[in-house]
Protein backbone atom coordinates (compact mmCIF):
# COMPACT_ATOMS: atom_id res chain seq x y z
CA MET A 1 4.19 12.32 -9.82
CA ALA A 2 6.17 12.91 -6.63
CA GLU A 3 8.34 9.94 -5.66
CA ALA A 4 11.06 9.20 -3.16
CA GLU A 5 12.91 6.29 -1.60
CA TYR A 6 14.84 6.26 1.63
CA THR A 7 17.21 3.44 2.64
CA THR A 8 18.96 2.84 5.93
CA THR A 9 20.43 -0.09 7.87
CA THR A 10 20.23 -1.59 11.34
CA ARG A 11 21.75 -4.40 13.40
CA ILE A 12 18.23 -5.64 14.24
CA PRO A 13 17.72 -9.08 12.59
CA ILE A 14 15.57 -9.05 9.48
CA ALA A 15 13.01 -11.38 11.07
CA ALA A 16 12.41 -8.92 13.92
CA VAL A 17 12.05 -5.98 11.53
CA TRP A 18 9.62 -7.98 9.40
CA ASP A 19 7.53 -8.98 12.42
CA PHE A 20 7.15 -5.28 13.24
CA VAL A 21 6.59 -3.95 9.71
CA GLN A 22 4.07 -6.57 8.61
CA GLU A 23 1.57 -5.36 11.22
CA MET A 24 0.44 -1.80 10.40
CA ASP A 25 -0.85 -1.28 13.94
CA ASN A 26 2.79 -1.21 15.07
CA TRP A 27 3.94 1.69 12.90
CA GLY A 28 0.78 3.49 11.75
CA ARG A 29 1.23 6.25 14.32
CA PHE A 30 4.65 7.04 12.83
CA VAL A 31 3.18 8.11 9.46
CA THR A 32 3.30 11.87 8.88
CA GLY A 33 0.00 13.47 9.89
CA TYR A 34 -1.44 10.19 11.22
CA GLN A 35 -4.87 10.43 12.85
CA LYS A 36 -6.26 6.90 12.68
CA HIS A 37 -6.63 3.79 10.53
CA GLU A 38 -9.32 1.14 10.29
CA LYS A 39 -8.99 -2.35 8.82
CA GLN A 40 -11.68 -3.75 6.56
CA SER A 41 -9.80 -6.98 5.83
CA ASP A 42 -6.28 -8.41 5.87
CA VAL A 43 -5.44 -6.39 2.75
CA ASP A 44 -7.82 -3.40 2.88
CA SER A 45 -7.77 -0.48 5.30
CA THR A 46 -8.72 3.20 5.51
CA TRP A 47 -6.21 5.75 6.75
CA THR A 48 -6.95 9.28 7.95
CA LEU A 49 -4.12 11.80 7.81
CA LYS A 50 -4.07 15.49 8.59
CA GLY A 51 -2.10 17.64 6.17
CA ASP A 52 -0.57 20.99 7.04
CA VAL A 53 0.90 22.01 3.69
CA GLY A 54 -0.89 24.94 2.08
CA VAL A 55 -3.86 23.61 0.11
CA LEU A 56 -3.34 20.26 1.87
CA SER A 57 -4.15 21.80 5.26
CA ARG A 58 -7.10 19.50 5.72
CA THR A 59 -7.97 15.96 6.71
CA LEU A 60 -7.19 13.41 4.00
CA THR A 61 -8.63 9.90 3.81
CA PHE A 62 -6.95 7.13 1.82
CA GLN A 63 -8.07 3.65 0.92
CA VAL A 64 -5.03 1.39 1.21
CA LYS A 65 -4.80 -2.03 -0.44
CA ILE A 66 -1.97 -4.49 0.12
CA LEU A 67 -0.85 -5.88 -3.25
CA GLU A 68 2.05 -8.05 -2.13
CA TRP A 69 2.87 -9.64 1.21
CA ASN A 70 6.11 -11.51 0.71
CA GLY A 71 7.81 -12.02 4.05
CA PRO A 72 10.36 -11.38 5.19
CA SER A 73 11.43 -9.19 2.29
CA ARG A 74 8.66 -7.09 0.79
CA VAL A 75 5.28 -5.42 1.30
CA SER A 76 3.73 -3.28 -1.44
CA PHE A 77 0.48 -1.35 -1.41
CA THR A 78 -1.60 1.24 -3.24
CA LEU A 79 -3.26 4.39 -1.92
CA ASP A 80 -6.41 5.99 -3.35
CA GLY A 81 -7.79 9.26 -2.05
CA VAL A 82 -11.35 9.04 -0.74
CA ASN A 83 -12.04 12.76 -0.26
CA GLU A 84 -9.25 14.10 -2.50
CA PRO A 85 -8.22 13.10 -6.05
CA MET A 86 -4.90 11.43 -5.27
CA HIS A 87 -3.37 8.05 -6.11
CA GLY A 88 -0.12 6.49 -5.07
CA ASP A 89 1.79 3.38 -4.09
CA GLY A 90 4.43 2.38 -1.60
CA THR A 91 6.80 -0.45 -0.79
CA PHE A 92 8.74 -1.68 2.22
CA THR A 93 11.76 -3.75 1.18
CA LEU A 94 13.96 -5.69 3.59
CA ALA A 95 17.23 -7.44 2.82
CA THR A 96 20.19 -8.88 4.72
CA GLU A 97 23.66 -7.83 3.67
CA PRO A 98 27.20 -8.18 5.08
CA GLY A 99 28.19 -5.46 7.50
CA ASP A 100 30.89 -3.00 6.47
CA ARG A 101 32.25 0.21 7.84
CA GLU A 102 30.00 2.44 5.78
CA LEU A 103 26.81 0.53 6.59
CA GLY A 104 27.99 -0.18 10.12
CA GLU A 105 27.81 3.52 10.85
CA GLY A 106 24.15 3.56 9.88
CA ALA A 107 24.74 5.64 6.79
CA ALA A 108 21.43 6.42 5.16
CA ARG A 109 21.26 6.41 1.39
CA PRO A 110 18.65 8.76 -0.07
CA ARG A 111 17.46 7.53 -3.45
CA LEU A 112 14.83 8.07 -6.08
CA ALA A 113 13.50 5.23 -8.19
CA THR A 114 12.94 5.77 -11.88
CA ARG A 115 9.59 4.85 -13.38
CA ASP A 116 11.24 2.33 -15.69
CA GLU A 117 12.45 0.40 -12.65
CA GLY A 118 9.01 0.10 -11.02
CA VAL A 119 8.49 -0.43 -7.30
CA ALA A 120 10.75 -3.52 -7.33
CA GLY A 121 13.57 -1.90 -9.28
CA ILE A 122 17.03 -0.98 -8.15
CA ALA A 123 17.03 2.57 -6.88
CA VAL A 124 19.46 5.15 -8.20
CA LEU A 125 20.90 8.24 -6.58
CA PRO A 126 18.64 11.30 -6.91
CA PRO A 127 19.54 14.04 -9.37
CA ARG A 128 21.23 17.13 -8.01
CA ARG A 129 18.58 19.58 -6.85
CA ASN A 130 18.74 23.34 -6.70
CA PHE A 131 19.29 25.26 -3.46
CA LEU A 132 15.60 26.04 -2.90
CA TRP A 133 14.61 22.39 -3.23
CA ARG A 134 17.28 21.30 -0.73
CA LEU A 135 16.23 24.10 1.63
CA LEU A 136 12.59 22.98 1.53
CA GLU A 137 13.54 19.35 2.19
CA ALA A 138 15.71 20.42 5.14
CA PHE A 139 12.84 22.53 6.50
CA TRP A 140 10.33 19.66 6.37
CA ARG A 141 12.88 17.31 7.89
CA ARG A 142 13.19 19.61 10.91
CA VAL A 143 9.42 20.04 11.17
CA LEU A 144 8.85 16.28 11.15
CA ARG A 145 11.48 15.72 13.82
CA VAL A 146 9.93 18.34 16.09
CA ALA A 147 6.36 17.15 15.52
CA GLY A 148 7.10 13.41 15.56
CA GLY A 149 5.97 12.14 18.95
CA GLY A 150 5.34 8.51 19.83
CA ALA A 151 8.80 7.10 19.06
CA PRO A 152 12.26 7.73 20.46
CA ALA A 153 14.81 9.57 18.36
CA ARG A 154 17.10 7.13 16.60
CA ASP A 155 20.49 6.84 18.26
CA ALA A 156 23.19 7.27 15.63
CA THR A 157 25.49 5.02 17.68
CA ALA A 158 23.02 2.11 17.59
CA THR A 159 24.61 0.62 14.48
CA GLN A 160 28.20 1.65 15.09
CA ALA A 161 28.99 -1.47 17.11
CA ALA A 162 28.56 -3.73 14.11
CA SER A 163 31.84 -5.22 13.01
CA ALA A 164 32.86 -5.79 9.40
CA GLY A 165 31.56 -9.35 9.50
CA ASP A 166 28.18 -8.69 11.11
CA ALA A 167 25.06 -9.06 9.00
CA MET A 168 22.99 -5.90 8.63
CA THR A 169 19.33 -5.49 7.79
CA ARG A 170 18.64 -2.96 5.05
CA LEU A 171 15.24 -1.24 5.19
CA SER A 172 13.98 0.72 2.21
CA PHE A 173 10.73 2.62 2.04
CA GLN A 174 9.48 3.91 -1.30
CA LEU A 175 6.49 6.18 -1.75
CA ARG A 176 4.89 7.71 -4.86
CA LEU A 177 1.95 10.11 -4.95
CA SER A 178 0.13 11.54 -7.94
CA PRO A 179 -2.54 14.21 -7.27
CA GLY A 180 -5.45 14.72 -9.64
CA GLY A 181 -7.99 17.41 -10.37
CA PRO A 182 -7.53 20.99 -11.61
CA MET A 183 -5.03 21.84 -8.83
CA ALA A 184 -2.84 18.78 -9.49
CA PRO A 185 0.26 20.70 -10.72
CA MET A 186 0.19 22.98 -7.67
CA VAL A 187 -0.37 20.15 -5.20
CA ASP A 188 2.36 18.07 -6.85
CA ALA A 189 4.84 20.93 -6.52
CA MET A 190 3.99 21.34 -2.84
CA ILE A 191 4.31 17.69 -1.84
CA ARG A 192 7.52 16.94 -3.74
CA PRO A 193 9.90 18.49 -1.17
CA LEU A 194 7.92 16.87 1.66
CA LEU A 195 7.89 13.32 0.35
CA PHE A 196 11.52 12.34 0.98
CA PRO A 197 11.64 13.73 4.55
CA ALA A 198 8.37 11.87 5.25
CA ALA A 199 9.83 8.57 3.96
CA GLU A 200 13.03 9.20 5.91
CA ASP A 201 11.09 9.99 9.08
CA LEU A 202 8.93 6.86 8.87
CA ALA A 203 11.84 4.46 8.27
CA ASN A 204 13.96 5.95 11.04
CA ARG A 205 11.12 5.98 13.57
CA ILE A 206 10.39 2.30 12.88
CA LEU A 207 14.04 1.37 13.46
CA ALA A 208 14.28 3.68 16.48
CA GLN A 209 11.42 1.82 18.10
CA LEU A 210 13.05 -1.56 17.45
CA GLU A 211 16.52 -0.44 18.54
CA ALA A 212 15.15 1.10 21.73
CA ALA A 213 13.31 -2.13 22.54
CA GLU A 214 16.49 -4.15 21.95
CA ALA A 215 18.49 -1.80 24.20
CA THR A 216 16.07 -2.25 27.09
CA GLN A 217 16.30 -6.04 26.79
CA SER A 218 20.10 -6.17 26.71
């Protein structure tokens, strides 16, 4: 199973981030490979994504079900492949924490959650990866930044103005995918280096949209 969690912070109040995240129409277009999504109910929807990774260079359809809707702190969901044998789950987690110099500079904290912790567990730092793995992650990060239209690039100075006493909103996005079928080991190996850059890209594009909107209003 490929799994990754990306955490970053913003000066945007937690209520504003929640208002944006709780409505998938706001951020659906920021998902890697997004083509469209259709709602069947408040908790069920179908998402169509286009993959461009080797054997995943095809259109993928997922049935998404919201399992938990606990505002303003947490949304969790499952994904089941409709036209491909793939299952997964994801979680958005929001929290308010005191500002400090490290967080005030918008320092992102890449993390991987262990299976023992579950989707609500405390994330731990990822294990040290070999050079090839880091190279692949860096490659996909660049590809996503070049291909990611529809949202402004996140300004690294957007969170620098926060003083030591300012409250910060911490946004974490966790995603896990487990392919099935006879090609599962190959597909799993191919999506592993892509998963963290995809989680990083989604979280940063959501906050970039909110920070850009705040800047135009100020």
